[in-house]
Amino acid sequence: MSFRPTLRTSYGSFNTGQVYSSVGQSSENFGYVLEYLNFNSDGFKQLGDNDNTGFDINEITGKLRFSSDADAAIPQSLEVKYHFYDEQSNETYLGLSEADFNANPYSRYASSQFDNMVAEQRQIMLTHVIDFSDQFKVVTNAYNNKFTRNWYKLDDVVFEGQKQSLSRVLANPGDFPNHMSLLNGTADSGADALLLKANNRVYYSRGIADQARLPLVWS
């Protein structure tokens, strides 16, 4: 049974880094692999006093495989896979006015400093393969997947009781100078001037799928 460890790292601009590691073993009847990935960055957008506008992602994947002998009358295999993913992104829906974008497309307004997206995914999958012959096999997949996401983002801006959408203010900043000053941070905002919204989502996918695979024949 062979043993295969792996480690790779990289580092780049904006404190962008990646670490990947894996360990696994395999034989005719059994195999496994465990993988870990971290990918993160401080981001390239400019916000406040070097506030983080990047992300931090972690992924863990584990697989187990059980196989019959290769010379079995009808060879079969069963693979169990588990995958976990989580992410924190300091990203925003808030854009820039046309003038500010032309001046510096990499800037972000101070009002977006609390925008943050968190996501998590958990997946488990079973894969069963029956090799009836070299020309015909049946593959069955059973899976359960759950993905959750919550994005805390700036949604509206209020000045002296007048609420305006972000898109309207950014499209016509000259018509809403006071609202614009709250967005770009040139004026101090009150407790209820910047309204955040939590966009919470949960998605599920579950099922069983069978596939019969035949070789392609080209004439």
Protein backbone atom coordinates (compact mmCIF):
# COMPACT_ATOMS: atom_id res chain seq x y z
CA MET A 1 0.00 0.00 0.00
CA SER A 2 1.60 3.26 -1.15
CA PHE A 3 1.59 6.34 1.09
CA ARG A 4 1.47 9.76 -0.62
CA PRO A 5 1.75 13.00 1.39
CA THR A 6 1.66 16.38 -0.41
CA LEU A 7 2.24 19.96 0.73
CA ARG A 8 2.14 23.07 -1.47
CA THR A 9 2.21 26.74 -0.45
CA SER A 10 2.23 30.04 -2.30
CA TYR A 11 2.31 33.72 -1.40
CA GLY A 12 1.67 36.83 -3.45
CA SER A 13 0.54 40.44 -3.56
CA PHE A 14 -1.98 41.81 -1.05
CA ASN A 15 -0.93 39.11 1.46
CA THR A 16 -2.53 36.50 -0.77
CA GLY A 17 -1.61 33.02 0.37
CA GLN A 18 -2.55 29.43 -0.31
CA VAL A 19 -1.77 26.23 1.57
CA TYR A 20 -2.70 22.82 0.20
CA SER A 21 -1.95 19.53 1.92
CA SER A 22 -3.08 15.97 1.33
CA VAL A 23 -2.34 12.49 2.56
CA GLY A 24 -3.53 9.21 1.15
CA GLN A 25 -2.94 5.53 0.63
CA SER A 26 -4.25 3.04 -1.92
CA SER A 27 -4.25 -0.68 -2.61
CA GLU A 28 -6.33 -3.00 -4.74
CA ASN A 29 -9.16 -3.23 -2.20
CA PHE A 30 -8.89 -0.03 -0.18
CA GLY A 31 -7.88 3.58 -0.53
CA TYR A 32 -8.30 6.91 1.17
CA VAL A 33 -7.30 10.53 0.73
CA LEU A 34 -7.66 13.54 3.02
CA GLU A 35 -7.19 17.05 1.60
CA TYR A 36 -7.06 20.50 3.18
CA LEU A 37 -6.95 23.87 1.42
CA ASN A 38 -6.72 27.39 2.83
CA PHE A 39 -6.89 30.35 0.45
CA ASN A 40 -6.88 33.91 1.76
CA SER A 41 -6.10 37.49 0.82
CA ASP A 42 -6.30 40.97 2.30
CA GLY A 43 -7.92 42.16 -0.94
CA PHE A 44 -6.87 44.80 -3.46
CA LYS A 45 -9.59 47.38 -2.74
CA GLN A 46 -8.64 50.47 -0.69
CA LEU A 47 -10.81 51.05 2.37
CA GLY A 48 -10.14 53.24 5.39
CA ASP A 49 -6.91 52.58 7.28
CA ASN A 50 -5.93 49.48 5.29
CA ASP A 51 -9.10 47.62 6.27
CA ASN A 52 -9.33 44.04 4.98
CA THR A 53 -11.33 43.78 1.75
CA GLY A 54 -10.32 40.21 0.98
CA PHE A 55 -11.43 36.73 1.95
CA ASP A 56 -10.55 33.59 3.88
CA ILE A 57 -11.59 30.18 2.51
CA ASN A 58 -11.12 26.72 4.01
CA GLU A 59 -11.90 23.40 2.34
CA ILE A 60 -11.65 19.86 3.72
CA THR A 61 -12.28 16.80 1.55
CA GLY A 62 -12.10 13.16 2.60
CA LYS A 63 -12.62 10.04 0.48
CA LEU A 64 -12.73 6.31 1.26
CA ARG A 65 -12.81 3.63 -1.43
CA PHE A 66 -13.58 -0.07 -1.05
CA SER A 67 -13.12 -2.34 -4.08
CA SER A 68 -13.55 -5.99 -4.84
CA ASP A 69 -10.68 -7.98 -6.31
CA ALA A 70 -9.89 -7.03 -9.89
CA ASP A 71 -10.47 -10.63 -11.01
CA ALA A 72 -13.88 -10.89 -9.34
CA ALA A 73 -16.70 -12.21 -11.51
CA ILE A 74 -18.42 -8.79 -11.35
CA PRO A 75 -15.99 -6.16 -9.98
CA GLN A 76 -17.56 -3.49 -7.78
CA SER A 77 -16.42 -0.47 -5.81
CA LEU A 78 -17.91 1.89 -3.25
CA GLU A 79 -16.57 5.39 -2.59
CA VAL A 80 -17.61 7.65 0.30
CA LYS A 81 -16.84 11.35 -0.06
CA TYR A 82 -17.24 14.15 2.50
CA HIS A 83 -16.63 17.80 1.64
CA PHE A 84 -16.68 20.87 3.91
CA TYR A 85 -16.28 24.48 2.79
CA ASP A 86 -16.41 27.76 4.66
CA GLU A 87 -15.76 31.30 3.53
CA GLN A 88 -15.55 34.79 5.00
CA SER A 89 -15.49 37.57 2.41
CA ASN A 90 -15.29 41.26 3.22
CA GLU A 91 -17.17 42.09 0.04
CA THR A 92 -19.86 44.66 -0.66
CA TYR A 93 -22.68 45.38 -3.08
CA LEU A 94 -21.90 49.10 -2.80
CA GLY A 95 -20.22 50.51 -5.90
CA LEU A 96 -18.82 53.95 -6.69
CA SER A 97 -20.14 57.00 -8.42
CA GLU A 98 -18.90 57.42 -11.97
CA ALA A 99 -16.62 60.29 -10.99
CA ASP A 100 -15.08 58.39 -8.07
CA PHE A 101 -14.63 55.27 -10.18
CA ASN A 102 -12.79 57.27 -12.84
CA ALA A 103 -10.58 58.80 -10.15
CA ASN A 104 -9.77 55.47 -8.44
CA PRO A 105 -11.58 52.26 -9.43
CA TYR A 106 -9.99 50.36 -6.52
CA SER A 107 -11.40 52.54 -3.74
CA ARG A 108 -14.31 51.67 -1.45
CA TYR A 109 -16.50 53.99 0.54
CA ALA A 110 -16.13 54.01 4.31
CA SER A 111 -19.81 53.08 4.74
CA SER A 112 -19.09 49.59 3.34
CA GLN A 113 -16.60 48.66 6.06
CA PHE A 114 -19.03 46.31 7.84
CA ASP A 115 -20.19 44.45 4.72
CA ASN A 116 -19.34 40.79 5.11
CA MET A 117 -20.42 37.51 3.53
CA VAL A 118 -20.19 34.18 5.36
CA ALA A 119 -20.84 30.89 3.58
CA GLU A 120 -20.68 27.21 4.49
CA GLN A 121 -21.21 24.02 2.52
CA ARG A 122 -21.41 20.40 3.69
CA GLN A 123 -21.65 17.54 1.24
CA ILE A 124 -21.65 13.77 1.51
CA MET A 125 -21.74 11.47 -1.52
CA LEU A 126 -21.78 7.71 -2.03
CA THR A 127 -20.68 6.32 -5.41
CA HIS A 128 -21.22 2.65 -6.27
CA VAL A 129 -19.81 1.18 -9.49
CA ILE A 130 -20.59 -2.24 -10.99
CA ASP A 131 -18.39 -3.35 -13.91
CA PHE A 132 -20.47 -5.92 -15.72
CA SER A 133 -17.94 -6.02 -18.57
CA ASP A 134 -15.34 -3.89 -20.32
CA GLN A 135 -18.19 -2.44 -22.40
CA PHE A 136 -20.82 -1.86 -19.74
CA LYS A 137 -20.89 -0.45 -16.21
CA VAL A 138 -23.52 1.02 -13.91
CA VAL A 139 -22.67 3.97 -11.67
CA THR A 140 -25.00 5.01 -8.81
CA ASN A 141 -24.56 8.30 -6.94
CA ALA A 142 -26.42 9.19 -3.74
CA TYR A 143 -25.74 12.69 -2.42
CA ASN A 144 -26.81 15.20 0.18
CA ASN A 145 -25.69 18.81 -0.06
CA LYS A 146 -26.41 21.83 2.18
CA PHE A 147 -25.20 25.35 1.43
CA THR A 148 -25.80 28.34 3.71
CA ARG A 149 -24.94 31.96 3.06
CA ASN A 150 -25.53 35.20 4.91
CA TRP A 151 -24.43 38.50 3.42
CA TYR A 152 -24.47 41.48 5.77
CA LYS A 153 -24.49 44.42 3.38
CA LEU A 154 -25.34 48.09 3.25
CA ASP A 155 -28.84 48.44 1.82
CA ASP A 156 -30.05 52.05 2.24
CA VAL A 157 -28.80 55.43 3.43
CA VAL A 158 -30.90 57.87 5.49
CA PHE A 159 -30.42 61.63 5.90
CA GLU A 160 -32.82 63.59 8.13
CA GLY A 161 -35.44 60.87 7.81
CA GLN A 162 -35.19 60.58 4.01
CA LYS A 163 -34.21 57.06 2.96
CA GLN A 164 -32.63 56.51 -0.44
CA SER A 165 -31.40 53.40 -2.21
CA LEU A 166 -27.69 53.09 -2.86
CA SER A 167 -28.15 52.81 -6.62
CA ARG A 168 -30.17 56.01 -6.79
CA VAL A 169 -27.62 58.01 -4.78
CA LEU A 170 -24.65 56.71 -6.76
CA ALA A 171 -26.36 57.33 -10.10
CA ASN A 172 -27.20 60.93 -9.15
CA PRO A 173 -24.74 62.04 -6.43
CA GLY A 174 -25.32 65.71 -7.23
CA ASP A 175 -29.01 65.34 -6.35
CA PHE A 176 -28.22 63.75 -2.97
CA PRO A 177 -25.05 65.44 -1.65
CA ASN A 178 -25.87 64.78 2.00
CA HIS A 179 -26.63 61.11 1.42
CA MET A 180 -23.45 60.85 -0.64
CA SER A 181 -21.35 62.36 2.15
CA LEU A 182 -22.64 59.65 4.50
CA LEU A 183 -21.68 56.94 2.01
CA ASN A 184 -18.17 58.15 1.29
CA GLY A 185 -17.44 58.97 4.93
CA THR A 186 -16.88 62.71 4.56
CA ALA A 187 -19.67 63.28 7.11
CA ASP A 188 -20.26 61.44 10.36
CA SER A 189 -23.31 59.18 10.27
CA GLY A 190 -25.90 58.82 12.99
CA ALA A 191 -27.01 55.57 14.53
CA ASP A 192 -29.73 54.94 11.92
CA ALA A 193 -28.16 56.60 8.88
CA LEU A 194 -26.67 53.45 7.34
CA LEU A 195 -29.05 50.50 7.11
CA LEU A 196 -27.61 47.02 6.75
CA LYS A 197 -29.49 44.01 5.48
CA ALA A 198 -28.80 40.34 6.19
CA ASN A 199 -29.33 38.35 2.99
CA ASN A 200 -29.65 34.89 4.53
CA ARG A 201 -29.97 31.88 2.20
CA VAL A 202 -30.09 28.10 2.69
CA TYR A 203 -30.01 25.68 -0.24
CA TYR A 204 -30.42 21.89 -0.21
CA SER A 205 -29.89 19.31 -2.92
CA ARG A 206 -30.44 15.60 -2.37
CA GLY A 207 -30.91 12.69 -4.69
CA ILE A 208 -29.93 9.36 -6.22
CA ALA A 209 -28.82 9.07 -9.82
CA ASP A 210 -28.03 5.97 -11.90
CA GLN A 211 -25.92 5.99 -15.03
CA ALA A 212 -25.30 3.17 -17.48
CA ARG A 213 -22.03 3.77 -19.31
CA LEU A 214 -21.22 2.31 -22.71
CA PRO A 215 -18.04 2.92 -24.72
CA LEU A 216 -18.19 5.30 -27.67
CA VAL A 217 -17.65 3.59 -31.02
CA TRP A 218 -16.34 5.71 -33.89
CA SER A 219 -16.61 4.45 -37.45
